[in-house]
Amino acid sequence: MSVSLQPLLLLLAALLFVLASAFAIISSTHQSRSLYADLQDIEAERWYLEEEYSRLLLEQGTWASHHRIAQEAGASLGLEAPPHDRTRLVSP
């Protein structure tokens, strides 16, 4: 009784292809999960930076208000608006 080698080789080749496919799926899944975790970290950082930017815009608006500038000019530089009798209207 002679056993043909061809079906055995086909079975071995199919087994190798199945194993290679399984390892490719495992690698792809691992890479996908790793990239998704990185995406989550980046989105959390983006959220934090947007929140910080909003706070800085609010602070800039507070520091740049006309009342605040006049208050600082008066307190630190001793500046104040001149009285009305010392102002003149200049026409062009």
PDB file of N, CA and C in Angstrom:
ATOM      1  N   MET A   1       0.850  -1.165   0.000  1.00  0.00           N
ATOM      2  CA  MET A   1       0.000   0.000   0.000  1.00  0.00           C
ATOM      3  C   MET A   1       0.898   1.231   0.000  1.00  0.00           C
ATOM      4  N   SER A   2       0.740   2.039  -1.027  1.00  0.00           N
ATOM      5  CA  SER A   2       1.577   3.221  -1.117  1.00  0.00           C
ATOM      6  C   SER A   2       0.750   4.459  -0.793  1.00  0.00           C
ATOM      7  N   VAL A   3       1.279   5.241   0.087  1.00  0.00           N
ATOM      8  CA  VAL A   3       0.591   6.473   0.509  1.00  0.00           C
ATOM      9  C   VAL A   3       1.094   7.601  -0.372  1.00  0.00           C
ATOM     10  N   SER A   4       0.162   8.330  -0.920  1.00  0.00           N
ATOM     11  CA  SER A   4       0.521   9.449  -1.785  1.00  0.00           C
ATOM     12  C   SER A   4       0.954  10.627  -0.923  1.00  0.00           C
ATOM     13  N   LEU A   5       2.011  11.263  -1.316  1.00  0.00           N
ATOM     14  CA  LEU A   5       2.572  12.385  -0.560  1.00  0.00           C
ATOM     15  C   LEU A   5       1.877  13.709  -0.871  1.00  0.00           C
ATOM     16  N   GLN A   6       1.219  13.781  -1.986  1.00  0.00           N
ATOM     17  CA  GLN A   6       0.599  15.031  -2.414  1.00  0.00           C
ATOM     18  C   GLN A   6      -0.506  15.498  -1.463  1.00  0.00           C
ATOM     19  N   PRO A   7      -1.462  14.689  -1.027  1.00  0.00           N
ATOM     20  CA  PRO A   7      -2.479  15.178  -0.089  1.00  0.00           C
ATOM     21  C   PRO A   7      -1.870  15.618   1.234  1.00  0.00           C
ATOM     22  N   LEU A   8      -0.837  14.938   1.684  1.00  0.00           N
ATOM     23  CA  LEU A   8      -0.180  15.311   2.934  1.00  0.00           C
ATOM     24  C   LEU A   8       0.491  16.671   2.806  1.00  0.00           C
ATOM     25  N   LEU A   9       1.128  16.919   1.669  1.00  0.00           N
ATOM     26  CA  LEU A   9       1.760  18.229   1.445  1.00  0.00           C
ATOM     27  C   LEU A   9       0.714  19.335   1.345  1.00  0.00           C
ATOM     28  N   LEU A  10      -0.404  19.051   0.700  1.00  0.00           N
ATOM     29  CA  LEU A  10      -1.480  20.041   0.617  1.00  0.00           C
ATOM     30  C   LEU A  10      -2.045  20.355   2.001  1.00  0.00           C
ATOM     31  N   LEU A  11      -2.208  19.327   2.810  1.00  0.00           N
ATOM     32  CA  LEU A  11      -2.697  19.531   4.171  1.00  0.00           C
ATOM     33  C   LEU A  11      -1.705  20.345   4.985  1.00  0.00           C
ATOM     34  N   LEU A  12      -0.432  20.071   4.849  1.00  0.00           N
ATOM     35  CA  LEU A  12       0.606  20.817   5.558  1.00  0.00           C
ATOM     36  C   LEU A  12       0.639  22.266   5.092  1.00  0.00           C
ATOM     37  N   ALA A  13       0.525  22.485   3.792  1.00  0.00           N
ATOM     38  CA  ALA A  13       0.504  23.854   3.255  1.00  0.00           C
ATOM     39  C   ALA A  13      -0.723  24.608   3.766  1.00  0.00           C
ATOM     40  N   ALA A  14      -1.869  23.952   3.781  1.00  0.00           N
ATOM     41  CA  ALA A  14      -3.088  24.594   4.285  1.00  0.00           C
ATOM     42  C   ALA A  14      -2.943  24.934   5.761  1.00  0.00           C
ATOM     43  N   LEU A  15      -2.346  24.045   6.525  1.00  0.00           N
ATOM     44  CA  LEU A  15      -2.119  24.296   7.951  1.00  0.00           C
ATOM     45  C   LEU A  15      -1.196  25.491   8.149  1.00  0.00           C
ATOM     46  N   LEU A  16      -0.143  25.583   7.347  1.00  0.00           N
ATOM     47  CA  LEU A  16       0.776  26.726   7.441  1.00  0.00           C
ATOM     48  C   LEU A  16       0.073  28.031   7.087  1.00  0.00           C
ATOM     49  N   PHE A  17      -0.772  27.997   6.060  1.00  0.00           N
ATOM     50  CA  PHE A  17      -1.516  29.199   5.684  1.00  0.00           C
ATOM     51  C   PHE A  17      -2.499  29.606   6.782  1.00  0.00           C
ATOM     52  N   VAL A  18      -3.132  28.652   7.406  1.00  0.00           N
ATOM     53  CA  VAL A  18      -4.068  28.952   8.493  1.00  0.00           C
ATOM     54  C   VAL A  18      -3.315  29.557   9.678  1.00  0.00           C
ATOM     55  N   LEU A  19      -2.165  28.981  10.028  1.00  0.00           N
ATOM     56  CA  LEU A  19      -1.370  29.530  11.135  1.00  0.00           C
ATOM     57  C   LEU A  19      -0.865  30.932  10.810  1.00  0.00           C
ATOM     58  N   ALA A  20      -0.391  31.133   9.592  1.00  0.00           N
ATOM     59  CA  ALA A  20       0.084  32.468   9.194  1.00  0.00           C
ATOM     60  C   ALA A  20      -1.057  33.477   9.244  1.00  0.00           C
ATOM     61  N   SER A  21      -2.225  33.070   8.802  1.00  0.00           N
ATOM     62  CA  SER A  21      -3.390  33.951   8.850  1.00  0.00           C
ATOM     63  C   SER A  21      -3.774  34.274  10.295  1.00  0.00           C
ATOM     64  N   ALA A  22      -3.731  33.290  11.156  1.00  0.00           N
ATOM     65  CA  ALA A  22      -4.064  33.507  12.570  1.00  0.00           C
ATOM     66  C   ALA A  22      -3.086  34.483  13.219  1.00  0.00           C
ATOM     67  N   PHE A  23      -1.790  34.315  12.942  1.00  0.00           N
ATOM     68  CA  PHE A  23      -0.800  35.237  13.500  1.00  0.00           C
ATOM     69  C   PHE A  23      -0.962  36.643  12.926  1.00  0.00           C
ATOM     70  N   ALA A  24      -1.340  36.757  11.663  1.00  0.00           N
ATOM     71  CA  ALA A  24      -1.573  38.069  11.056  1.00  0.00           C
ATOM     72  C   ALA A  24      -2.770  38.756  11.714  1.00  0.00           C
ATOM     73  N   ILE A  25      -3.818  37.995  12.012  1.00  0.00           N
ATOM     74  CA  ILE A  25      -4.993  38.555  12.672  1.00  0.00           C
ATOM     75  C   ILE A  25      -4.643  39.003  14.088  1.00  0.00           C
ATOM     76  N   ILE A  26      -3.870  38.191  14.790  1.00  0.00           N
ATOM     77  CA  ILE A  26      -3.454  38.556  16.157  1.00  0.00           C
ATOM     78  C   ILE A  26      -2.627  39.831  16.131  1.00  0.00           C
ATOM     79  N   SER A  27      -1.690  39.915  15.201  1.00  0.00           N
ATOM     80  CA  SER A  27      -0.847  41.106  15.090  1.00  0.00           C
ATOM     81  C   SER A  27      -1.671  42.330  14.734  1.00  0.00           C
ATOM     82  N   SER A  28      -2.589  42.183  13.806  1.00  0.00           N
ATOM     83  CA  SER A  28      -3.441  43.297  13.384  1.00  0.00           C
ATOM     84  C   SER A  28      -4.331  43.773  14.529  1.00  0.00           C
ATOM     85  N   THR A  29      -4.889  42.855  15.279  1.00  0.00           N
ATOM     86  CA  THR A  29      -5.738  43.205  16.415  1.00  0.00           C
ATOM     87  C   THR A  29      -4.938  43.935  17.488  1.00  0.00           C
ATOM     88  N   HIS A  30      -3.742  43.444  17.766  1.00  0.00           N
ATOM     89  CA  HIS A  30      -2.892  44.092  18.761  1.00  0.00           C
ATOM     90  C   HIS A  30      -2.526  45.512  18.323  1.00  0.00           C
ATOM     91  N   GLN A  31      -2.162  45.667  17.070  1.00  0.00           N
ATOM     92  CA  GLN A  31      -1.804  46.986  16.555  1.00  0.00           C
ATOM     93  C   GLN A  31      -3.017  47.926  16.595  1.00  0.00           C
ATOM     94  N   SER A  32      -4.187  47.425  16.256  1.00  0.00           N
ATOM     95  CA  SER A  32      -5.400  48.230  16.286  1.00  0.00           C
ATOM     96  C   SER A  32      -5.712  48.701  17.704  1.00  0.00           C
ATOM     97  N   ARG A  33      -5.608  47.810  18.666  1.00  0.00           N
ATOM     98  CA  ARG A  33      -5.870  48.194  20.061  1.00  0.00           C
ATOM     99  C   ARG A  33      -4.838  49.178  20.572  1.00  0.00           C
ATOM    100  N   SER A  34      -3.596  48.995  20.191  1.00  0.00           N
ATOM    101  CA  SER A  34      -2.536  49.917  20.599  1.00  0.00           C
ATOM    102  C   SER A  34      -2.765  51.307  20.013  1.00  0.00           C
ATOM    103  N   LEU A  35      -3.118  51.363  18.744  1.00  0.00           N
ATOM    104  CA  LEU A  35      -3.387  52.652  18.105  1.00  0.00           C
ATOM    105  C   LEU A  35      -4.622  53.321  18.690  1.00  0.00           C
ATOM    106  N   TYR A  36      -5.635  52.530  19.052  1.00  0.00           N
ATOM    107  CA  TYR A  36      -6.833  53.098  19.666  1.00  0.00           C
ATOM    108  C   TYR A  36      -6.502  53.677  21.048  1.00  0.00           C
ATOM    109  N   ALA A  37      -5.648  53.012  21.795  1.00  0.00           N
ATOM    110  CA  ALA A  37      -5.232  53.538  23.099  1.00  0.00           C
ATOM    111  C   ALA A  37      -4.465  54.851  22.916  1.00  0.00           C
ATOM    112  N   ASP A  38      -3.610  54.914  21.901  1.00  0.00           N
ATOM    113  CA  ASP A  38      -2.897  56.158  21.612  1.00  0.00           C
ATOM    114  C   ASP A  38      -3.870  57.267  21.233  1.00  0.00           C
ATOM    115  N   LEU A  39      -4.878  56.925  20.444  1.00  0.00           N
ATOM    116  CA  LEU A  39      -5.889  57.902  20.050  1.00  0.00           C
ATOM    117  C   LEU A  39      -6.626  58.438  21.281  1.00  0.00           C
ATOM    118  N   GLN A  40      -6.958  57.568  22.204  1.00  0.00           N
ATOM    119  CA  GLN A  40      -7.639  58.004  23.422  1.00  0.00           C
ATOM    120  C   GLN A  40      -6.769  58.972  24.216  1.00  0.00           C
ATOM    121  N   ASP A  41      -5.469  58.680  24.319  1.00  0.00           N
ATOM    122  CA  ASP A  41      -4.549  59.570  25.025  1.00  0.00           C
ATOM    123  C   ASP A  41      -4.468  60.927  24.340  1.00  0.00           C
ATOM    124  N   ILE A  42      -4.393  60.921  23.025  1.00  0.00           N
ATOM    125  CA  ILE A  42      -4.292  62.174  22.279  1.00  0.00           C
ATOM    126  C   ILE A  42      -5.576  62.983  22.403  1.00  0.00           C
ATOM    127  N   GLU A  43      -6.722  62.321  22.361  1.00  0.00           N
ATOM    128  CA  GLU A  43      -7.989  63.039  22.520  1.00  0.00           C
ATOM    129  C   GLU A  43      -8.128  63.617  23.922  1.00  0.00           C
ATOM    130  N   ALA A  44      -7.650  62.916  24.936  1.00  0.00           N
ATOM    131  CA  ALA A  44      -7.692  63.442  26.304  1.00  0.00           C
ATOM    132  C   ALA A  44      -6.790  64.672  26.417  1.00  0.00           C
ATOM    133  N   GLU A  45      -5.633  64.624  25.787  1.00  0.00           N
ATOM    134  CA  GLU A  45      -4.726  65.774  25.811  1.00  0.00           C
ATOM    135  C   GLU A  45      -5.339  66.951  25.050  1.00  0.00           C
ATOM    136  N   ARG A  46      -5.991  66.676  23.929  1.00  0.00           N
ATOM    137  CA  ARG A  46      -6.650  67.738  23.160  1.00  0.00           C
ATOM    138  C   ARG A  46      -7.753  68.395  23.982  1.00  0.00           C
ATOM    139  N   TRP A  47      -8.520  67.585  24.699  1.00  0.00           N
ATOM    140  CA  TRP A  47      -9.581  68.124  25.550  1.00  0.00           C
ATOM    141  C   TRP A  47      -8.981  69.020  26.636  1.00  0.00           C
ATOM    142  N   TYR A  48      -7.896  68.564  27.258  1.00  0.00           N
ATOM    143  CA  TYR A  48      -7.244  69.361  28.291  1.00  0.00           C
ATOM    144  C   TYR A  48      -6.728  70.679  27.720  1.00  0.00           C
ATOM    145  N   LEU A  49      -6.107  70.631  26.533  1.00  0.00           N
ATOM    146  CA  LEU A  49      -5.564  71.844  25.927  1.00  0.00           C
ATOM    147  C   LEU A  49      -6.675  72.814  25.515  1.00  0.00           C
ATOM    148  N   GLU A  50      -7.797  72.305  25.029  1.00  0.00           N
ATOM    149  CA  GLU A  50      -8.916  73.181  24.696  1.00  0.00           C
ATOM    150  C   GLU A  50      -9.465  73.856  25.942  1.00  0.00           C
ATOM    151  N   GLU A  51      -9.535  73.110  27.029  1.00  0.00           N
ATOM    152  CA  GLU A  51     -10.007  73.682  28.289  1.00  0.00           C
ATOM    153  C   GLU A  51      -9.046  74.760  28.781  1.00  0.00           C
ATOM    154  N   GLU A  52      -7.756  74.486  28.701  1.00  0.00           N
ATOM    155  CA  GLU A  52      -6.739  75.461  29.111  1.00  0.00           C
ATOM    156  C   GLU A  52      -6.801  76.704  28.220  1.00  0.00           C
ATOM    157  N   TYR A  53      -7.001  76.512  26.927  1.00  0.00           N
ATOM    158  CA  TYR A  53      -7.100  77.635  25.997  1.00  0.00           C
ATOM    159  C   TYR A  53      -8.304  78.511  26.333  1.00  0.00           C
ATOM    160  N   SER A  54      -9.425  77.887  26.679  1.00  0.00           N
ATOM    161  CA  SER A  54     -10.610  78.649  27.063  1.00  0.00           C
ATOM    162  C   SER A  54     -10.345  79.468  28.319  1.00  0.00           C
ATOM    163  N   ARG A  55      -9.665  78.874  29.280  1.00  0.00           N
ATOM    164  CA  ARG A  55      -9.325  79.610  30.499  1.00  0.00           C
ATOM    165  C   ARG A  55      -8.408  80.786  30.191  1.00  0.00           C
ATOM    166  N   LEU A  56      -7.433  80.564  29.306  1.00  0.00           N
ATOM    167  CA  LEU A  56      -6.509  81.642  28.953  1.00  0.00           C
ATOM    168  C   LEU A  56      -7.215  82.765  28.193  1.00  0.00           C
ATOM    169  N   LEU A  57      -8.161  82.423  27.334  1.00  0.00           N
ATOM    170  CA  LEU A  57      -8.935  83.464  26.644  1.00  0.00           C
ATOM    171  C   LEU A  57      -9.741  84.292  27.637  1.00  0.00           C
ATOM    172  N   LEU A  58     -10.328  83.628  28.610  1.00  0.00           N
ATOM    173  CA  LEU A  58     -11.082  84.338  29.636  1.00  0.00           C
ATOM    174  C   LEU A  58     -10.160  85.258  30.439  1.00  0.00           C
ATOM    175  N   GLU A  59      -8.994  84.740  30.805  1.00  0.00           N
ATOM    176  CA  GLU A  59      -8.039  85.555  31.555  1.00  0.00           C
ATOM    177  C   GLU A  59      -7.545  86.728  30.717  1.00  0.00           C
ATOM    178  N   GLN A  60      -7.303  86.497  29.434  1.00  0.00           N
ATOM    179  CA  GLN A  60      -6.864  87.582  28.562  1.00  0.00           C
ATOM    180  C   GLN A  60      -7.946  88.656  28.466  1.00  0.00           C
ATOM    181  N   GLY A  61      -9.191  88.236  28.355  1.00  0.00           N
ATOM    182  CA  GLY A  61     -10.285  89.193  28.308  1.00  0.00           C
ATOM    183  C   GLY A  61     -10.375  90.014  29.581  1.00  0.00           C
ATOM    184  N   THR A  62     -10.106  89.373  30.713  1.00  0.00           N
ATOM    185  CA  THR A  62     -10.142  90.089  31.991  1.00  0.00           C
ATOM    186  C   THR A  62      -9.004  91.097  32.075  1.00  0.00           C
ATOM    187  N   TRP A  63      -7.801  90.680  31.712  1.00  0.00           N
ATOM    188  CA  TRP A  63      -6.643  91.570  31.796  1.00  0.00           C
ATOM    189  C   TRP A  63      -6.693  92.689  30.756  1.00  0.00           C
ATOM    190  N   ALA A  64      -7.362  92.470  29.638  1.00  0.00           N
ATOM    191  CA  ALA A  64      -7.385  93.461  28.564  1.00  0.00           C
ATOM    192  C   ALA A  64      -8.584  94.405  28.642  1.00  0.00           C
ATOM    193  N   SER A  65      -9.420  94.271  29.652  1.00  0.00           N
ATOM    194  CA  SER A  65     -10.587  95.154  29.738  1.00  0.00           C
ATOM    195  C   SER A  65     -10.132  96.588  30.018  1.00  0.00           C
ATOM    196  N   HIS A  66     -10.889  97.562  29.500  1.00  0.00           N
ATOM    197  CA  HIS A  66     -10.514  98.974  29.653  1.00  0.00           C
ATOM    198  C   HIS A  66     -10.469  99.380  31.122  1.00  0.00           C
ATOM    199  N   HIS A  67     -11.395  98.872  31.896  1.00  0.00           N
ATOM    200  CA  HIS A  67     -11.412  99.204  33.322  1.00  0.00           C
ATOM    201  C   HIS A  67     -10.140  98.706  34.013  1.00  0.00           C
ATOM    202  N   ARG A  68      -9.728  97.498  33.696  1.00  0.00           N
ATOM    203  CA  ARG A  68      -8.525  96.923  34.312  1.00  0.00           C
ATOM    204  C   ARG A  68      -7.279  97.702  33.899  1.00  0.00           C
ATOM    205  N   ILE A  69      -7.189  98.095  32.632  1.00  0.00           N
ATOM    206  CA  ILE A  69      -6.030  98.847  32.149  1.00  0.00           C
ATOM    207  C   ILE A  69      -5.974 100.217  32.827  1.00  0.00           C
ATOM    208  N   ALA A  70      -7.110 100.887  32.929  1.00  0.00           N
ATOM    209  CA  ALA A  70      -7.145 102.187  33.603  1.00  0.00           C
ATOM    210  C   ALA A  70      -6.789 102.049  35.077  1.00  0.00           C
ATOM    211  N   GLN A  71      -7.261 101.005  35.705  1.00  0.00           N
ATOM    212  CA  GLN A  71      -6.965 100.764  37.118  1.00  0.00           C
ATOM    213  C   GLN A  71      -5.462 100.524  37.313  1.00  0.00           C
ATOM    214  N   GLU A  72      -4.860  99.705  36.459  1.00  0.00           N
ATOM    215  CA  GLU A  72      -3.421  99.430  36.565  1.00  0.00           C
ATOM    216  C   GLU A  72      -2.598 100.673  36.253  1.00  0.00           C
ATOM    217  N   ALA A  73      -3.010 101.461  35.266  1.00  0.00           N
ATOM    218  CA  ALA A  73      -2.286 102.693  34.923  1.00  0.00           C
ATOM    219  C   ALA A  73      -2.310 103.660  36.094  1.00  0.00           C
ATOM    220  N   GLY A  74      -3.448 103.748  36.754  1.00  0.00           N
ATOM    221  CA  GLY A  74      -3.541 104.647  37.902  1.00  0.00           C
ATOM    222  C   GLY A  74      -2.754 104.137  39.091  1.00  0.00           C
ATOM    223  N   ALA A  75      -2.786 102.862  39.340  1.00  0.00           N
ATOM    224  CA  ALA A  75      -2.141 102.306  40.528  1.00  0.00           C
ATOM    225  C   ALA A  75      -0.627 102.207  40.369  1.00  0.00           C
ATOM    226  N   SER A  76      -0.157 101.685  39.247  1.00  0.00           N
ATOM    227  CA  SER A  76       1.284 101.447  39.133  1.00  0.00           C
ATOM    228  C   SER A  76       2.050 102.610  38.511  1.00  0.00           C
ATOM    229  N   LEU A  77       1.424 103.380  37.636  1.00  0.00           N
ATOM    230  CA  LEU A  77       2.121 104.474  36.962  1.00  0.00           C
ATOM    231  C   LEU A  77       1.692 105.853  37.448  1.00  0.00           C
ATOM    232  N   GLY A  78       0.657 105.909  38.236  1.00  0.00           N
ATOM    233  CA  GLY A  78       0.170 107.190  38.739  1.00  0.00           C
ATOM    234  C   GLY A  78      -0.540 107.998  37.663  1.00  0.00           C
ATOM    235  N   LEU A  79      -1.047 107.367  36.655  1.00  0.00           N
ATOM    236  CA  LEU A  79      -1.745 108.067  35.585  1.00  0.00           C
ATOM    237  C   LEU A  79      -3.212 108.222  35.928  1.00  0.00           C
ATOM    238  N   GLU A  80      -3.774 109.353  35.519  1.00  0.00           N
ATOM    239  CA  GLU A  80      -5.200 109.579  35.688  1.00  0.00           C
ATOM    240  C   GLU A  80      -5.672 110.504  34.582  1.00  0.00           C
ATOM    241  N   ALA A  81      -6.941 110.504  34.351  1.00  0.00           N
ATOM    242  CA  ALA A  81      -7.506 111.351  33.307  1.00  0.00           C
ATOM    243  C   ALA A  81      -7.415 112.807  33.746  1.00  0.00           C
ATOM    244  N   PRO A  82      -7.088 113.709  32.807  1.00  0.00           N
ATOM    245  CA  PRO A  82      -7.005 115.127  33.187  1.00  0.00           C
ATOM    246  C   PRO A  82      -8.395 115.699  33.443  1.00  0.00           C
ATOM    247  N   PRO A  83      -8.476 116.732  34.276  1.00  0.00           N
ATOM    248  CA  PRO A  83      -9.784 117.362  34.512  1.00  0.00           C
ATOM    249  C   PRO A  83     -10.279 118.050  33.229  1.00  0.00           C
ATOM    250  N   HIS A  84     -11.570 118.318  33.178  1.00  0.00           N
ATOM    251  CA  HIS A  84     -12.162 118.883  31.965  1.00  0.00           C
ATOM    252  C   HIS A  84     -11.629 120.272  31.642  1.00  0.00           C
ATOM    253  N   ASP A  85     -11.264 121.046  32.656  1.00  0.00           N
ATOM    254  CA  ASP A  85     -10.776 122.400  32.370  1.00  0.00           C
ATOM    255  C   ASP A  85      -9.369 122.395  31.765  1.00  0.00           C
ATOM    256  N   ARG A  86      -8.689 121.254  31.789  1.00  0.00           N
ATOM    257  CA  ARG A  86      -7.343 121.163  31.210  1.00  0.00           C
ATOM    258  C   ARG A  86      -7.338 120.449  29.861  1.00  0.00           C
ATOM    259  N   THR A  87      -8.527 120.175  29.333  1.00  0.00           N
ATOM    260  CA  THR A  87      -8.585 119.511  28.024  1.00  0.00           C
ATOM    261  C   THR A  87      -9.048 120.508  26.975  1.00  0.00           C
ATOM    262  N   ARG A  88      -8.557 120.276  25.752  1.00  0.00           N
ATOM    263  CA  ARG A  88      -8.954 121.126  24.622  1.00  0.00           C
ATOM    264  C   ARG A  88      -9.390 120.246  23.479  1.00  0.00           C
ATOM    265  N   LEU A  89     -10.345 120.730  22.735  1.00  0.00           N
ATOM    266  CA  LEU A  89     -10.812 120.037  21.559  1.00  0.00           C
ATOM    267  C   LEU A  89     -10.067 120.616  20.356  1.00  0.00           C
ATOM    268  N   VAL A  90      -9.366 119.789  19.625  1.00  0.00           N
ATOM    269  CA  VAL A  90      -8.593 120.247  18.475  1.00  0.00           C
ATOM    270  C   VAL A  90      -9.344 119.808  17.226  1.00  0.00           C
ATOM    271  N   SER A  91      -9.627 120.773  16.388  1.00  0.00           N
ATOM    272  CA  SER A  91     -10.329 120.433  15.149  1.00  0.00           C
ATOM    273  C   SER A  91      -9.305 120.193  14.054  1.00  0.00           C
ATOM    274  N   PRO A  92      -9.616 119.304  13.150  1.00  0.00           N
ATOM    275  CA  PRO A  92      -8.646 118.946  12.082  1.00  0.00           C
ATOM    276  C   PRO A  92      -8.447 120.018  11.062  1.00  0.00           C
TER     277      PRO A  92
END
